């Protein structure tokens, strides 16, 4: 158990070391439209995305497989989707009247 946990923590460290935060530039046409509508952005406002560099992809995939393997299968394939859709229908039924 300890070796498995140590391996998974190592995978997580690899993923974290390969995270990269990058700005997403705002299209000048969008800025012009917002300004025409009276919407001004504060200087320095920027949207960001976080990506995993290529060196972390294998670690991410392997850690994902480890986590999925920990979740026990409780029903036959497709059964969960049928049960979930029935639950949604039942939850919405009082509001549909």
Protein backbone atom coordinates (compact mmCIF):
# COMPACT_ATOMS: atom_id res chain seq x y z
CA UNK A 1 0.00 0.00 0.00
CA UNK A 2 2.77 2.45 0.90
CA UNK A 3 4.60 1.78 -2.37
CA UNK A 4 1.42 2.39 -4.35
CA UNK A 5 0.73 5.65 -2.50
CA UNK A 6 4.33 6.78 -2.98
CA UNK A 7 4.03 6.03 -6.70
CA UNK A 8 0.78 8.01 -6.98
CA UNK A 9 2.26 10.95 -5.06
CA UNK A 10 5.23 10.85 -7.44
CA UNK A 11 2.83 11.01 -10.40
CA UNK A 12 1.05 13.96 -8.82
CA UNK A 13 4.36 15.75 -8.31
CA UNK A 14 5.24 15.21 -11.96
CA UNK A 15 1.89 16.67 -12.99
CA UNK A 16 2.29 19.71 -10.73
CA UNK A 17 5.83 20.36 -11.99
CA UNK A 18 4.46 20.40 -15.53
CA UNK A 19 1.54 22.75 -14.97
CA UNK A 20 1.77 25.97 -16.93
CA UNK A 21 -0.43 29.03 -16.58
CA UNK A 22 -0.83 30.94 -19.81
CA UNK A 23 -2.74 34.13 -20.63
CA UNK A 24 -5.57 33.97 -23.11
CA UNK A 25 -5.45 37.17 -25.15
CA UNK A 26 -8.69 39.10 -25.54
CA UNK A 27 -9.65 39.69 -29.15
CA UNK A 28 -9.40 43.41 -30.01
CA UNK A 29 -12.80 43.19 -31.73
CA UNK A 30 -14.36 42.04 -28.46
CA UNK A 31 -12.72 44.95 -26.63
CA UNK A 32 -14.08 47.39 -29.23
CA UNK A 33 -17.58 45.93 -28.87
CA UNK A 34 -17.47 46.15 -25.08
CA UNK A 35 -16.23 49.74 -25.21
CA UNK A 36 -19.04 50.63 -27.66
CA UNK A 37 -21.48 49.23 -25.09
CA UNK A 38 -19.86 51.26 -22.30
CA UNK A 39 -18.08 48.32 -20.72
CA UNK A 40 -14.51 49.05 -19.72
CA UNK A 41 -12.04 46.47 -18.49
CA UNK A 42 -9.67 47.30 -15.70
CA UNK A 43 -6.09 47.55 -16.97
CA UNK A 44 -4.32 44.25 -16.55
CA UNK A 45 -7.50 42.16 -16.62
CA UNK A 46 -6.56 38.95 -18.34
CA UNK A 47 -8.10 35.52 -18.60
CA UNK A 48 -5.84 32.56 -17.97
CA UNK A 49 -5.74 28.88 -18.74
CA UNK A 50 -3.79 26.18 -16.98
CA UNK A 51 -2.33 23.41 -19.11
CA UNK A 52 -0.21 20.34 -18.52
CA UNK A 53 3.00 20.35 -20.54
CA UNK A 54 3.72 17.29 -22.66
CA UNK A 55 6.17 15.92 -20.07
CA UNK A 56 3.26 15.55 -17.60
CA UNK A 57 0.74 13.85 -19.90
CA UNK A 58 1.80 10.27 -19.14
CA UNK A 59 1.75 10.92 -15.39
CA UNK A 60 -1.73 12.46 -15.68
CA UNK A 61 -3.04 9.48 -17.64
CA UNK A 62 -1.51 6.96 -15.26
CA UNK A 63 -2.79 8.76 -12.16
CA UNK A 64 -6.26 9.00 -13.72
CA UNK A 65 -6.26 5.25 -14.32
CA UNK A 66 -5.19 4.65 -10.68
CA UNK A 67 -8.05 6.81 -9.40
CA UNK A 68 -10.66 5.20 -11.65
CA UNK A 69 -9.46 1.75 -10.56
CA UNK A 70 -10.23 2.70 -6.94
CA UNK A 71 -13.93 3.28 -7.70
CA UNK A 72 -15.84 0.01 -7.39
CA UNK A 73 -18.23 -0.93 -10.15
CA UNK A 74 -21.71 -1.23 -8.65
CA UNK A 75 -23.81 -2.17 -11.63
CA UNK A 76 -23.84 -3.64 -15.09
CA UNK A 77 -22.71 -1.41 -17.97
CA UNK A 78 -25.45 1.05 -18.87
CA UNK A 79 -27.37 0.41 -15.65
CA UNK A 80 -26.02 3.55 -13.99
CA UNK A 81 -27.12 5.75 -16.88
CA UNK A 82 -30.64 4.27 -16.78
CA UNK A 83 -30.82 4.75 -13.01
CA UNK A 84 -29.54 8.34 -13.28
CA UNK A 85 -32.00 9.26 -16.03
CA UNK A 86 -34.86 7.75 -14.00
CA UNK A 87 -33.72 9.77 -10.97
CA UNK A 88 -33.70 12.98 -13.04
CA UNK A 89 -37.18 12.22 -14.44
CA UNK A 90 -38.51 11.60 -10.92
CA UNK A 91 -36.88 14.74 -9.57
CA UNK A 92 -38.36 16.88 -12.36
CA UNK A 93 -41.81 15.27 -12.35
CA UNK A 94 -43.36 17.58 -9.69
CA UNK A 95 -42.17 20.63 -11.62
CA UNK A 96 -43.48 19.41 -14.97
CA UNK A 97 -47.13 19.72 -13.97
